[in-house]
Amino acid sequence: MGHHPKGSAVSVSISIAWIEGRNLLHLIDEFLELVAGPRTSADPALARLAPVAYPDDDAAAAEFRRGTRDELFDRRRKDALVMREDLVEFDDGDDHAGGRDVLAPHDVDIAPAHVDPWMRTLTAIRLVVASRLGVDHDDRHDPEDPRFHVYDWLGYRLDDLIQRADDADDEAASTA
């Protein structure tokens, strides 16, 4: 049950509105800029994306970070590019509605090899947003506070994707 270690065994389809697709693209682009920037920055969001492996040993933590940080950020960049590619239909260069129904659902089919990159990217972007909002370890916040809407929406999208991947994997296993 659940998703497989190397990704979902089957493709997953999600339905998102045009405006959601555009917003995801903007978030991905901002995330790509962040992970492509200086990796020695004191930005708390970068620290959140590469947590300290040895909190009680500064020397070991610094050595681990030197040995893994670039590889980790490169993987995060590649994952985000995979997700961005799957959302290319929303990248029409027009941030305005242009007469379209921005709330109309659009199906996005995510290939089996892309499911895990999507999950990792949604999680990473959510971590960045959490860091910007000052959310540490606890998700508790006022649901009416508009500053948390994107954070909550990313959590919803991530939960939905995980559930759909698990359901698709379970269905594939039951018919095998």
N, C-alpha and C. Protein backbone atom coordinates (compact mmCIF):
# COMPACT_ATOMS: atom_id res chain seq x y z
N MET A 1 0.84 -1.18 0.00
CA MET A 1 0.00 0.00 0.00
C MET A 1 0.88 1.24 0.00
N GLY A 2 0.35 2.35 -0.45
CA GLY A 2 1.11 3.59 -0.46
C GLY A 2 1.96 3.72 -1.68
N HIS A 3 2.74 4.79 -1.72
CA HIS A 3 3.54 4.97 -2.91
C HIS A 3 4.83 4.19 -2.79
N HIS A 4 5.38 3.86 -3.92
CA HIS A 4 6.55 3.01 -3.99
C HIS A 4 7.82 3.81 -3.77
N PRO A 5 8.89 3.18 -3.28
CA PRO A 5 10.12 3.90 -3.01
C PRO A 5 10.66 4.68 -4.20
N LYS A 6 10.47 4.19 -5.39
CA LYS A 6 11.00 4.89 -6.56
C LYS A 6 9.93 5.70 -7.26
N GLY A 7 8.83 5.96 -6.62
CA GLY A 7 7.78 6.76 -7.22
C GLY A 7 6.51 5.96 -7.36
N SER A 8 5.49 6.64 -7.75
CA SER A 8 4.22 5.98 -7.96
C SER A 8 4.34 5.02 -9.13
N ALA A 9 3.64 3.90 -9.03
CA ALA A 9 3.69 2.90 -10.09
C ALA A 9 2.79 3.27 -11.26
N VAL A 10 1.91 4.22 -11.05
CA VAL A 10 0.96 4.61 -12.09
C VAL A 10 0.89 6.13 -12.16
N SER A 11 0.36 6.61 -13.27
CA SER A 11 0.20 8.06 -13.39
C SER A 11 -0.93 8.52 -12.48
N VAL A 12 -0.89 9.79 -12.16
CA VAL A 12 -1.88 10.40 -11.28
C VAL A 12 -2.45 11.60 -12.00
N SER A 13 -3.75 11.77 -11.92
CA SER A 13 -4.39 12.93 -12.53
C SER A 13 -4.94 13.82 -11.43
N ILE A 14 -4.64 15.11 -11.54
CA ILE A 14 -5.21 16.08 -10.61
C ILE A 14 -5.97 17.12 -11.42
N SER A 15 -6.93 17.72 -10.79
CA SER A 15 -7.72 18.76 -11.44
C SER A 15 -7.43 20.07 -10.72
N ILE A 16 -6.95 21.05 -11.48
CA ILE A 16 -6.69 22.36 -10.89
C ILE A 16 -7.24 23.45 -11.80
N ALA A 17 -7.61 24.54 -11.19
CA ALA A 17 -8.10 25.69 -11.95
C ALA A 17 -6.92 26.40 -12.61
N TRP A 18 -7.21 27.14 -13.67
CA TRP A 18 -6.16 27.87 -14.39
C TRP A 18 -5.40 28.78 -13.43
N ILE A 19 -6.12 29.47 -12.56
CA ILE A 19 -5.48 30.40 -11.64
C ILE A 19 -4.55 29.66 -10.68
N GLU A 20 -4.93 28.43 -10.29
CA GLU A 20 -4.05 27.63 -9.44
C GLU A 20 -2.78 27.24 -10.19
N GLY A 21 -2.94 26.85 -11.45
CA GLY A 21 -1.78 26.50 -12.26
C GLY A 21 -0.83 27.67 -12.41
N ARG A 22 -1.39 28.85 -12.66
CA ARG A 22 -0.56 30.06 -12.77
C ARG A 22 0.15 30.35 -11.45
N ASN A 23 -0.58 30.24 -10.35
CA ASN A 23 0.03 30.49 -9.04
C ASN A 23 1.13 29.48 -8.73
N LEU A 24 0.89 28.21 -9.07
CA LEU A 24 1.93 27.20 -8.87
C LEU A 24 3.18 27.53 -9.69
N LEU A 25 2.98 27.95 -10.93
CA LEU A 25 4.13 28.33 -11.76
C LEU A 25 4.92 29.46 -11.14
N HIS A 26 4.23 30.47 -10.63
CA HIS A 26 4.92 31.59 -9.98
C HIS A 26 5.71 31.11 -8.76
N LEU A 27 5.09 30.26 -7.96
CA LEU A 27 5.77 29.74 -6.78
C LEU A 27 6.99 28.90 -7.17
N ILE A 28 6.84 28.08 -8.20
CA ILE A 28 7.96 27.26 -8.67
C ILE A 28 9.08 28.16 -9.17
N ASP A 29 8.75 29.18 -9.94
CA ASP A 29 9.78 30.09 -10.46
C ASP A 29 10.53 30.78 -9.32
N GLU A 30 9.80 31.23 -8.31
CA GLU A 30 10.45 31.85 -7.15
C GLU A 30 11.33 30.85 -6.41
N PHE A 31 10.85 29.62 -6.31
CA PHE A 31 11.62 28.57 -5.65
C PHE A 31 12.89 28.27 -6.44
N LEU A 32 12.78 28.21 -7.76
CA LEU A 32 13.96 27.96 -8.60
C LEU A 32 15.00 29.06 -8.41
N GLU A 33 14.54 30.30 -8.32
CA GLU A 33 15.47 31.41 -8.07
C GLU A 33 16.16 31.24 -6.72
N LEU A 34 15.41 30.83 -5.72
CA LEU A 34 15.97 30.66 -4.38
C LEU A 34 17.06 29.59 -4.37
N VAL A 35 16.77 28.42 -4.94
CA VAL A 35 17.75 27.33 -4.87
C VAL A 35 18.90 27.52 -5.84
N ALA A 36 18.73 28.40 -6.84
CA ALA A 36 19.83 28.69 -7.77
C ALA A 36 20.73 29.80 -7.24
N GLY A 37 20.26 30.52 -6.24
CA GLY A 37 21.02 31.64 -5.69
C GLY A 37 22.16 31.18 -4.80
N PRO A 38 22.75 32.12 -4.09
CA PRO A 38 23.86 31.79 -3.20
C PRO A 38 23.43 30.78 -2.13
N ARG A 39 24.15 29.71 -2.04
CA ARG A 39 23.78 28.64 -1.11
C ARG A 39 24.40 28.82 0.26
N THR A 40 25.16 29.86 0.41
CA THR A 40 25.77 30.14 1.71
C THR A 40 24.99 31.23 2.43
N SER A 41 23.89 31.64 1.84
CA SER A 41 23.06 32.70 2.40
C SER A 41 22.56 32.34 3.79
N ALA A 42 22.35 33.35 4.57
CA ALA A 42 21.79 33.15 5.91
C ALA A 42 20.26 33.12 5.87
N ASP A 43 19.69 33.02 4.68
CA ASP A 43 18.24 32.99 4.51
C ASP A 43 17.67 31.79 5.28
N PRO A 44 16.73 32.04 6.20
CA PRO A 44 16.15 30.94 6.97
C PRO A 44 15.43 29.91 6.09
N ALA A 45 14.93 30.33 4.93
CA ALA A 45 14.26 29.39 4.04
C ALA A 45 15.26 28.37 3.51
N LEU A 46 16.47 28.82 3.17
CA LEU A 46 17.50 27.88 2.71
C LEU A 46 17.89 26.93 3.83
N ALA A 47 17.99 27.46 5.02
CA ALA A 47 18.31 26.60 6.16
C ALA A 47 17.23 25.55 6.37
N ARG A 48 16.00 25.93 6.14
CA ARG A 48 14.87 25.00 6.31
C ARG A 48 14.91 23.90 5.25
N LEU A 49 15.42 24.23 4.06
CA LEU A 49 15.50 23.25 2.98
C LEU A 49 16.67 22.29 3.16
N ALA A 50 17.63 22.66 3.97
CA ALA A 50 18.80 21.82 4.24
C ALA A 50 19.04 21.81 5.74
N PRO A 51 18.21 21.09 6.48
CA PRO A 51 18.30 21.14 7.93
C PRO A 51 19.63 20.60 8.45
N VAL A 52 19.95 21.00 9.65
CA VAL A 52 21.19 20.58 10.30
C VAL A 52 21.09 19.10 10.65
N ALA A 53 22.07 18.33 10.18
CA ALA A 53 22.06 16.89 10.41
C ALA A 53 22.52 16.52 11.82
N TYR A 54 23.42 17.32 12.38
CA TYR A 54 23.97 17.04 13.71
C TYR A 54 23.83 18.29 14.58
N PRO A 55 22.67 18.50 15.17
CA PRO A 55 22.44 19.73 15.93
C PRO A 55 23.35 19.90 17.14
N ASP A 56 23.91 18.81 17.65
CA ASP A 56 24.77 18.90 18.83
C ASP A 56 26.25 18.92 18.50
N ASP A 57 26.59 18.90 17.20
CA ASP A 57 28.00 18.86 16.79
C ASP A 57 28.19 19.80 15.61
N ASP A 58 28.60 21.03 15.89
CA ASP A 58 28.75 22.05 14.84
C ASP A 58 29.73 21.63 13.75
N ALA A 59 30.84 21.03 14.12
CA ALA A 59 31.85 20.63 13.14
C ALA A 59 31.30 19.54 12.21
N ALA A 60 30.66 18.54 12.78
CA ALA A 60 30.08 17.47 11.96
C ALA A 60 28.96 18.01 11.09
N ALA A 61 28.15 18.91 11.63
CA ALA A 61 27.06 19.51 10.86
C ALA A 61 27.60 20.29 9.68
N ALA A 62 28.66 21.07 9.89
CA ALA A 62 29.25 21.87 8.81
C ALA A 62 29.85 20.96 7.74
N GLU A 63 30.51 19.89 8.16
CA GLU A 63 31.10 18.95 7.19
C GLU A 63 30.00 18.26 6.38
N PHE A 64 28.95 17.83 7.04
CA PHE A 64 27.84 17.18 6.35
C PHE A 64 27.20 18.14 5.35
N ARG A 65 27.01 19.38 5.77
CA ARG A 65 26.40 20.39 4.91
C ARG A 65 27.27 20.62 3.67
N ARG A 66 28.58 20.74 3.86
CA ARG A 66 29.49 20.94 2.72
C ARG A 66 29.40 19.78 1.74
N GLY A 67 29.23 18.57 2.27
CA GLY A 67 29.22 17.39 1.42
C GLY A 67 27.89 17.10 0.74
N THR A 68 26.81 17.69 1.23
CA THR A 68 25.49 17.32 0.70
C THR A 68 24.65 18.47 0.19
N ARG A 69 24.93 19.69 0.61
CA ARG A 69 24.05 20.82 0.32
C ARG A 69 23.87 21.06 -1.18
N ASP A 70 24.96 21.10 -1.94
CA ASP A 70 24.84 21.35 -3.38
C ASP A 70 24.04 20.26 -4.07
N GLU A 71 24.31 19.01 -3.71
CA GLU A 71 23.57 17.90 -4.31
C GLU A 71 22.08 17.98 -3.97
N LEU A 72 21.78 18.30 -2.72
CA LEU A 72 20.39 18.42 -2.29
C LEU A 72 19.68 19.53 -3.05
N PHE A 73 20.31 20.71 -3.16
CA PHE A 73 19.68 21.81 -3.87
C PHE A 73 19.58 21.54 -5.36
N ASP A 74 20.55 20.84 -5.92
CA ASP A 74 20.46 20.47 -7.34
C ASP A 74 19.28 19.54 -7.57
N ARG A 75 19.07 18.59 -6.66
CA ARG A 75 17.91 17.69 -6.80
C ARG A 75 16.61 18.47 -6.64
N ARG A 76 16.58 19.40 -5.72
CA ARG A 76 15.38 20.21 -5.53
C ARG A 76 15.08 21.03 -6.80
N ARG A 77 16.14 21.54 -7.43
CA ARG A 77 15.97 22.30 -8.67
C ARG A 77 15.43 21.39 -9.78
N LYS A 78 16.00 20.21 -9.92
CA LYS A 78 15.54 19.27 -10.95
C LYS A 78 14.09 18.86 -10.71
N ASP A 79 13.75 18.59 -9.47
CA ASP A 79 12.36 18.23 -9.14
C ASP A 79 11.41 19.36 -9.52
N ALA A 80 11.78 20.59 -9.19
CA ALA A 80 10.92 21.74 -9.50
C ALA A 80 10.77 21.92 -11.01
N LEU A 81 11.83 21.66 -11.76
CA LEU A 81 11.75 21.76 -13.22
C LEU A 81 10.82 20.70 -13.80
N VAL A 82 10.82 19.50 -13.22
CA VAL A 82 9.89 18.45 -13.65
C VAL A 82 8.46 18.91 -13.43
N MET A 83 8.18 19.45 -12.26
CA MET A 83 6.83 19.92 -11.95
C MET A 83 6.43 21.06 -12.87
N ARG A 84 7.37 21.97 -13.10
CA ARG A 84 7.10 23.11 -13.98
C ARG A 84 6.75 22.64 -15.39
N GLU A 85 7.48 21.64 -15.86
CA GLU A 85 7.23 21.08 -17.20
C GLU A 85 5.81 20.52 -17.30
N ASP A 86 5.36 19.86 -16.23
CA ASP A 86 4.01 19.29 -16.23
C ASP A 86 2.92 20.36 -16.20
N LEU A 87 3.29 21.56 -15.81
CA LEU A 87 2.32 22.67 -15.74
C LEU A 87 2.47 23.65 -16.89
N VAL A 88 3.20 23.27 -17.92
CA VAL A 88 3.52 24.20 -19.01
C VAL A 88 2.26 24.76 -19.68
N GLU A 89 1.16 24.03 -19.67
CA GLU A 89 -0.06 24.53 -20.30
C GLU A 89 -0.57 25.82 -19.64
N PHE A 90 -0.16 26.06 -18.40
CA PHE A 90 -0.57 27.27 -17.69
C PHE A 90 0.39 28.43 -17.92
N ASP A 91 1.47 28.17 -18.63
CA ASP A 91 2.49 29.19 -18.88
C ASP A 91 2.27 29.81 -20.25
N ASP A 92 1.23 30.62 -20.34
CA ASP A 92 0.91 31.24 -21.63
C ASP A 92 1.42 32.67 -21.70
N GLY A 93 2.19 33.08 -20.69
CA GLY A 93 2.75 34.43 -20.69
C GLY A 93 1.75 35.51 -20.34
N ASP A 94 0.53 35.12 -20.05
CA ASP A 94 -0.52 36.11 -19.76
C ASP A 94 -1.00 35.91 -18.33
N ASP A 95 -0.62 36.82 -17.45
CA ASP A 95 -1.06 36.73 -16.06
C ASP A 95 -2.50 37.19 -15.87
N HIS A 96 -3.08 37.73 -16.89
CA HIS A 96 -4.47 38.19 -16.81
C HIS A 96 -5.38 37.10 -17.36
N ALA A 97 -6.60 37.13 -16.96
CA ALA A 97 -7.54 36.09 -17.34
C ALA A 97 -7.74 36.01 -18.85
N GLY A 98 -7.66 37.12 -19.54
CA GLY A 98 -7.81 37.09 -20.99
C GLY A 98 -9.11 36.47 -21.46
N GLY A 99 -10.19 36.69 -20.73
CA GLY A 99 -11.49 36.18 -21.15
C GLY A 99 -11.75 34.73 -20.75
N ARG A 100 -10.79 34.06 -20.17
CA ARG A 100 -10.99 32.65 -19.80
C ARG A 100 -11.62 32.55 -18.41
N ASP A 101 -12.23 31.42 -18.18
CA ASP A 101 -12.78 31.12 -16.86
C ASP A 101 -11.63 30.61 -15.99
N VAL A 102 -11.12 31.47 -15.11
CA VAL A 102 -9.93 31.13 -14.32
C VAL A 102 -10.20 30.06 -13.27
N LEU A 103 -11.47 29.76 -13.02
CA LEU A 103 -11.82 28.74 -12.03
C LEU A 103 -12.20 27.41 -12.66
N ALA A 104 -12.27 27.36 -13.99
CA ALA A 104 -12.61 26.12 -14.67
C ALA A 104 -11.52 25.08 -14.41
N PRO A 105 -11.93 23.85 -14.10
CA PRO A 105 -10.93 22.82 -13.81
C PRO A 105 -10.18 22.37 -15.07
N HIS A 106 -8.90 22.10 -14.88
CA HIS A 106 -8.05 21.54 -15.93
C HIS A 106 -7.40 20.29 -15.35
N ASP A 107 -7.45 19.20 -16.11
CA ASP A 107 -6.79 17.98 -15.65
C ASP A 107 -5.32 18.03 -16.00
N VAL A 108 -4.50 17.68 -15.03
CA VAL A 108 -3.06 17.58 -15.23
C VAL A 108 -2.68 16.13 -14.94
N ASP A 109 -2.14 15.46 -15.94
CA ASP A 109 -1.70 14.08 -15.77
C ASP A 109 -0.23 14.07 -15.39
N ILE A 110 0.06 13.44 -14.28
CA ILE A 110 1.42 13.38 -13.75
C ILE A 110 1.94 11.97 -13.98
N ALA A 111 3.00 11.86 -14.76
CA ALA A 111 3.60 10.56 -15.07
C ALA A 111 4.11 9.90 -13.78
N PRO A 112 4.17 8.57 -13.77
CA PRO A 112 4.63 7.87 -12.57
C PRO A 112 5.98 8.39 -12.04
N ALA A 113 6.91 8.66 -12.93
CA ALA A 113 8.24 9.12 -12.51
C ALA A 113 8.22 10.57 -12.01
N HIS A 114 7.11 11.27 -12.21
CA HIS A 114 7.03 12.67 -11.80
C HIS A 114 6.30 12.87 -10.47
N VAL A 115 5.64 11.84 -9.97
CA VAL A 115 4.84 11.98 -8.75
C VAL A 115 5.72 12.37 -7.56
N ASP A 116 6.81 11.66 -7.35
CA ASP A 116 7.68 12.00 -6.22
C ASP A 116 8.32 13.38 -6.37
N PRO A 117 8.82 13.77 -7.55
CA PRO A 117 9.31 15.14 -7.68
C PRO A 117 8.25 16.19 -7.35
N TRP A 118 7.00 15.93 -7.74
CA TRP A 118 5.91 16.85 -7.38
C TRP A 118 5.77 16.94 -5.86
N MET A 119 5.75 15.77 -5.20
CA MET A 119 5.58 15.76 -3.74
C MET A 119 6.73 16.49 -3.06
N ARG A 120 7.96 16.21 -3.51
CA ARG A 120 9.11 16.87 -2.89
C ARG A 120 9.08 18.37 -3.13
N THR A 121 8.65 18.79 -4.33
CA THR A 121 8.62 20.22 -4.64
C THR A 121 7.53 20.93 -3.86
N LEU A 122 6.34 20.36 -3.81
CA LEU A 122 5.27 20.98 -3.02
C LEU A 122 5.69 21.10 -1.55
N THR A 123 6.33 20.05 -1.03
CA THR A 123 6.80 20.08 0.35
C THR A 123 7.85 21.17 0.54
N ALA A 124 8.80 21.25 -0.38
CA ALA A 124 9.88 22.24 -0.27
C ALA A 124 9.33 23.66 -0.35
N ILE A 125 8.43 23.90 -1.29
CA ILE A 125 7.85 25.25 -1.41
C ILE A 125 7.06 25.59 -0.15
N ARG A 126 6.35 24.62 0.37
CA ARG A 126 5.59 24.84 1.61
C ARG A 126 6.54 25.16 2.77
N LEU A 127 7.69 24.50 2.82
CA LEU A 127 8.69 24.81 3.85
C LEU A 127 9.19 26.24 3.72
N VAL A 128 9.41 26.68 2.48
CA VAL A 128 9.86 28.06 2.26
C VAL A 128 8.80 29.05 2.74
N VAL A 129 7.56 28.80 2.36
CA VAL A 129 6.46 29.68 2.79
C VAL A 129 6.36 29.67 4.32
N ALA A 130 6.47 28.48 4.92
CA ALA A 130 6.41 28.38 6.38
C ALA A 130 7.52 29.20 7.03
N SER A 131 8.70 29.14 6.44
CA SER A 131 9.82 29.89 7.00
C SER A 131 9.56 31.39 6.90
N ARG A 132 8.98 31.82 5.79
CA ARG A 132 8.66 33.25 5.62
C ARG A 132 7.58 33.72 6.59
N LEU A 133 6.68 32.79 6.97
CA LEU A 133 5.59 33.13 7.88
C LEU A 133 5.96 32.93 9.35
N GLY A 134 7.11 32.33 9.60
CA GLY A 134 7.52 32.07 10.97
C GLY A 134 6.93 30.81 11.56
N VAL A 135 6.42 29.92 10.72
CA VAL A 135 5.89 28.64 11.19
C VAL A 135 7.08 27.71 11.38
N ASP A 136 7.25 27.22 12.61
CA ASP A 136 8.39 26.36 12.89
C ASP A 136 8.02 24.89 12.76
N HIS A 137 7.56 24.31 13.84
CA HIS A 137 7.28 22.88 13.85
C HIS A 137 5.79 22.58 13.92
N ASP A 138 5.01 23.56 14.17
CA ASP A 138 3.60 23.35 14.43
C ASP A 138 2.77 24.04 13.36
N ASP A 139 1.81 23.32 12.82
CA ASP A 139 0.95 23.88 11.78
C ASP A 139 -0.14 24.80 12.32
N ARG A 140 -0.26 24.91 13.61
CA ARG A 140 -1.37 25.69 14.17
C ARG A 140 -1.23 27.17 13.87
N HIS A 141 -2.30 27.71 13.31
CA HIS A 141 -2.38 29.14 13.04
C HIS A 141 -3.84 29.49 12.82
N ASP A 142 -4.13 30.74 12.80
CA ASP A 142 -5.50 31.20 12.59
C ASP A 142 -5.88 30.97 11.14
N PRO A 143 -6.83 30.08 10.86
CA PRO A 143 -7.20 29.79 9.47
C PRO A 143 -7.80 30.99 8.75
N GLU A 144 -8.21 32.00 9.50
CA GLU A 144 -8.77 33.20 8.89
C GLU A 144 -7.70 34.24 8.55
N ASP A 145 -6.48 34.02 9.00
CA ASP A 145 -5.38 34.94 8.72
C ASP A 145 -4.97 34.76 7.26
N PRO A 146 -5.18 35.77 6.41
CA PRO A 146 -4.93 35.61 4.98
C PRO A 146 -3.47 35.33 4.63
N ARG A 147 -2.54 35.62 5.54
CA ARG A 147 -1.13 35.35 5.25
C ARG A 147 -0.87 33.86 5.11
N PHE A 148 -1.75 33.04 5.66
CA PHE A 148 -1.53 31.60 5.65
C PHE A 148 -2.29 30.88 4.53
N HIS A 149 -3.01 31.59 3.70
CA HIS A 149 -3.81 30.94 2.67
C HIS A 149 -2.96 30.13 1.70
N VAL A 150 -1.85 30.68 1.24
CA VAL A 150 -0.99 29.95 0.30
C VAL A 150 -0.39 28.73 1.00
N TYR A 151 0.03 28.90 2.22
CA TYR A 151 0.59 27.80 3.01
C TYR A 151 -0.43 26.66 3.14
N ASP A 152 -1.66 27.01 3.51
CA ASP A 152 -2.72 26.00 3.65
C ASP A 152 -3.06 25.36 2.30
N TRP A 153 -3.11 26.18 1.26
CA TRP A 153 -3.44 25.67 -0.07
C TRP A 153 -2.37 24.68 -0.55
N LEU A 154 -1.10 24.98 -0.31
CA LEU A 154 -0.03 24.05 -0.67
C LEU A 154 -0.18 22.74 0.10
N GLY A 155 -0.54 22.83 1.37
CA GLY A 155 -0.79 21.63 2.16
C GLY A 155 -1.94 20.81 1.61
N TYR A 156 -3.01 21.50 1.21
CA TYR A 156 -4.15 20.82 0.60
C TYR A 156 -3.74 20.12 -0.68
N ARG A 157 -3.00 20.81 -1.53
CA ARG A 157 -2.55 20.23 -2.80
C ARG A 157 -1.65 19.02 -2.57
N LEU A 158 -0.76 19.13 -1.59
CA LEU A 158 0.14 18.02 -1.27
C LEU A 158 -0.65 16.83 -0.74
N ASP A 159 -1.55 17.06 0.20
CA ASP A 159 -2.38 15.98 0.73
C ASP A 159 -3.20 15.31 -0.37
N ASP A 160 -3.77 16.13 -1.25
CA ASP A 160 -4.57 15.60 -2.36
C ASP A 160 -3.72 14.73 -3.27
N LEU A 161 -2.52 15.18 -3.59
CA LEU A 161 -1.64 14.41 -4.46
C LEU A 161 -1.23 13.09 -3.80
N ILE A 162 -0.89 13.13 -2.53
CA ILE A 162 -0.53 11.90 -1.82
C ILE A 162 -1.69 10.92 -1.83
N GLN A 163 -2.89 11.41 -1.55
CA GLN A 163 -4.07 10.53 -1.53
C GLN A 163 -4.34 9.94 -2.91
N ARG A 164 -4.25 10.76 -3.94
CA ARG A 164 -4.48 10.26 -5.30
C ARG A 164 -3.41 9.24 -5.70
N ALA A 165 -2.17 9.47 -5.33
CA ALA A 165 -1.10 8.52 -5.65
C ALA A 165 -1.33 7.21 -4.91
N ASP A 166 -1.68 7.29 -3.63
CA ASP A 166 -1.97 6.08 -2.87
C ASP A 166 -3.15 5.33 -3.45
N ASP A 167 -4.23 6.05 -3.79
CA ASP A 167 -5.40 5.41 -4.38
C ASP A 167 -5.06 4.74 -5.71
N ALA A 168 -4.29 5.43 -6.55
CA ALA A 168 -3.91 4.87 -7.85
C ALA A 168 -3.03 3.63 -7.67
N ASP A 169 -2.10 3.69 -6.71
CA ASP A 169 -1.25 2.53 -6.44
C ASP A 169 -2.08 1.36 -5.91
N ASP A 170 -3.02 1.64 -5.00
CA ASP A 170 -3.87 0.59 -4.45
C ASP A 170 -4.72 -0.04 -5.54
N GLU A 171 -5.27 0.80 -6.42
CA GLU A 171 -6.10 0.29 -7.52
C GLU A 171 -5.26 -0.57 -8.46
N ALA A 172 -4.06 -0.13 -8.78
CA ALA A 172 -3.19 -0.90 -9.66
C ALA A 172 -2.82 -2.24 -9.03
N ALA A 173 -2.58 -2.24 -7.72
CA ALA A 173 -2.21 -3.47 -7.02
C ALA A 173 -3.39 -4.44 -6.97
N SER A 174 -4.60 -3.91 -6.83
CA SER A 174 -5.76 -4.79 -6.73
C SER A 174 -6.15 -5.41 -8.07
N THR A 175 -5.73 -4.79 -9.16
CA THR A 175 -6.05 -5.34 -10.49
C THR A 175 -4.90 -6.16 -11.06
N ALA A 176 -3.79 -6.20 -10.33
CA ALA A 176 -2.61 -6.95 -10.83
C ALA A 176 -2.73 -8.41 -10.52
